[in-house]
Amino acid sequence: QVQLVESGGGLVQPGGSLRLSCAGSGFIFSSYRMSWYRQAPGKERELVAAITSAGGRTNYAGSVKGRFTISRDNAKNTVYLQMNSLNPEDTAVYYCNSWVYGRDYWGQGTQVTVSS
């Protein structure tokens, strides 16, 4: 079955960096677009970044452009989100997502907290 498993979240000070990872299994990872979403307390889930199947094209939310970088390693079935210059507004649960076999799949989420 399709599974997405995130890792790499944690507590970081403002201005710091974190790298999130999402390992996919149960599908042909290299054939599918992958995305990162986040949901802060009391807010709707929002798209943070996405990357095409071969990694040739990416897009970002305006609030993270220039600070976050999405990438993927299809040999490892893994997508990454490098987050730099983090600020408290980036605090959220971050989810990996892909539309596979006609439905949305989500990981369990990983908490990112930016606080001094």
Protein backbone atom coordinates (compact mmCIF):
# COMPACT_ATOMS: atom_id res chain seq x y z
CA GLN A 1 0.00 0.00 0.00
CA VAL A 2 1.06 3.59 -0.53
CA GLN A 3 2.89 5.08 2.43
CA LEU A 4 4.52 8.43 3.05
CA VAL A 5 6.65 8.81 6.16
CA GLU A 6 8.04 12.18 7.21
CA SER A 7 10.97 12.83 9.51
CA GLY A 8 13.27 15.65 10.52
CA GLY A 9 11.00 18.00 12.44
CA GLY A 10 11.89 19.52 15.77
CA LEU A 11 12.47 22.68 17.75
CA VAL A 12 14.70 25.32 16.21
CA GLN A 13 15.54 28.91 17.08
CA PRO A 14 14.52 31.79 14.80
CA GLY A 15 16.99 32.09 11.96
CA GLY A 16 17.84 28.41 12.13
CA SER A 17 17.50 25.61 9.62
CA LEU A 18 15.91 22.18 9.38
CA ARG A 19 15.69 19.56 6.68
CA LEU A 20 12.58 17.44 6.42
CA SER A 21 12.52 14.10 4.64
CA CYS A 22 9.63 12.07 3.29
CA ALA A 23 10.12 8.46 2.27
CA GLY A 24 7.59 7.00 -0.13
CA SER A 25 6.77 3.34 -0.65
CA GLY A 26 4.14 1.21 -2.33
CA PHE A 27 4.17 3.13 -5.60
CA ILE A 28 6.54 4.11 -8.38
CA PHE A 29 7.93 7.15 -6.61
CA SER A 30 9.77 8.54 -9.62
CA SER A 31 6.53 8.81 -11.58
CA TYR A 32 4.71 11.18 -9.26
CA ARG A 33 4.72 14.81 -8.30
CA MET A 34 5.41 15.33 -4.61
CA SER A 35 4.36 18.18 -2.34
CA TRP A 36 4.89 19.54 1.13
CA TYR A 37 2.00 21.13 3.00
CA ARG A 38 1.81 22.61 6.47
CA GLN A 39 -0.90 23.35 8.98
CA ALA A 40 -0.48 25.79 11.82
CA PRO A 41 -2.80 25.77 14.86
CA GLY A 42 -6.15 27.29 13.98
CA LYS A 43 -5.28 27.65 10.32
CA GLU A 44 -6.06 25.73 7.15
CA ARG A 45 -3.55 23.39 5.60
CA GLU A 46 -1.53 25.20 2.93
CA LEU A 47 0.76 24.16 0.12
CA VAL A 48 4.39 24.98 0.89
CA ALA A 49 6.26 23.53 -2.09
CA ALA A 50 5.91 20.99 -4.88
CA ILE A 51 8.24 19.22 -7.28
CA THR A 52 7.60 17.37 -10.51
CA SER A 53 8.31 13.67 -10.88
CA ALA A 54 11.80 14.09 -12.35
CA GLY A 55 12.58 17.10 -10.23
CA GLY A 56 12.84 19.51 -13.10
CA ARG A 57 10.23 21.97 -11.91
CA THR A 58 9.38 23.31 -8.49
CA ASN A 59 6.97 25.84 -7.08
CA TYR A 60 6.71 27.53 -3.70
CA ALA A 61 4.32 29.48 -1.56
CA GLY A 62 5.20 33.15 -1.56
CA SER A 63 5.86 33.09 2.17
CA VAL A 64 8.71 30.57 1.84
CA LYS A 65 10.20 31.46 -1.55
CA GLY A 66 13.90 32.09 -1.24
CA ARG A 67 14.10 30.37 2.16
CA PHE A 68 12.86 26.82 1.48
CA THR A 69 14.08 24.38 -1.15
CA ILE A 70 12.28 21.23 -2.23
CA SER A 71 14.29 18.44 -3.82
CA ARG A 72 14.03 14.71 -4.40
CA ASP A 73 16.21 11.65 -4.77
CA ASN A 74 14.28 9.14 -6.84
CA ALA A 75 16.91 6.47 -6.22
CA LYS A 76 16.05 6.72 -2.51
CA ASN A 77 12.30 7.30 -2.98
CA THR A 78 12.67 10.40 -0.85
CA VAL A 79 11.63 14.03 -1.12
CA TYR A 80 13.24 16.73 1.00
CA LEU A 81 12.38 20.18 2.25
CA GLN A 82 15.37 22.29 3.25
CA MET A 83 14.15 25.14 5.43
CA ASN A 84 16.42 28.09 6.14
CA SER A 85 15.94 31.40 7.93
CA LEU A 86 13.07 29.94 9.89
CA ASN A 87 10.77 32.27 11.80
CA PRO A 88 7.99 31.66 14.32
CA GLU A 89 5.37 31.93 11.55
CA ASP A 90 6.80 28.72 10.08
CA THR A 91 5.68 26.77 13.15
CA ALA A 92 3.31 24.06 11.95
CA VAL A 93 2.86 20.38 11.31
CA TYR A 94 4.43 19.63 7.94
CA TYR A 95 2.91 16.94 5.73
CA CYS A 96 4.16 15.12 2.68
CA ASN A 97 1.58 14.58 -0.06
CA SER A 98 1.12 12.91 -3.41
CA TRP A 99 -1.77 12.13 -5.70
CA VAL A 100 -1.29 8.47 -6.55
CA TYR A 101 -3.61 6.02 -8.30
CA GLY A 102 -6.42 8.58 -8.31
CA ARG A 103 -6.41 9.65 -4.68
CA ASP A 104 -4.60 11.87 -2.24
CA TYR A 105 -2.09 10.32 0.12
CA TRP A 106 -0.70 12.04 3.20
CA GLY A 107 2.03 11.26 5.66
CA GLN A 108 1.47 11.40 9.40
CA GLY A 109 3.09 14.81 9.67
CA THR A 110 6.13 16.12 11.49
CA GLN A 111 6.06 19.02 13.93
CA VAL A 112 8.26 22.04 13.29
CA THR A 113 8.45 24.58 16.10
CA VAL A 114 10.40 27.82 15.71
CA SER A 115 10.92 29.49 19.05
CA SER A 116 13.62 31.06 21.17
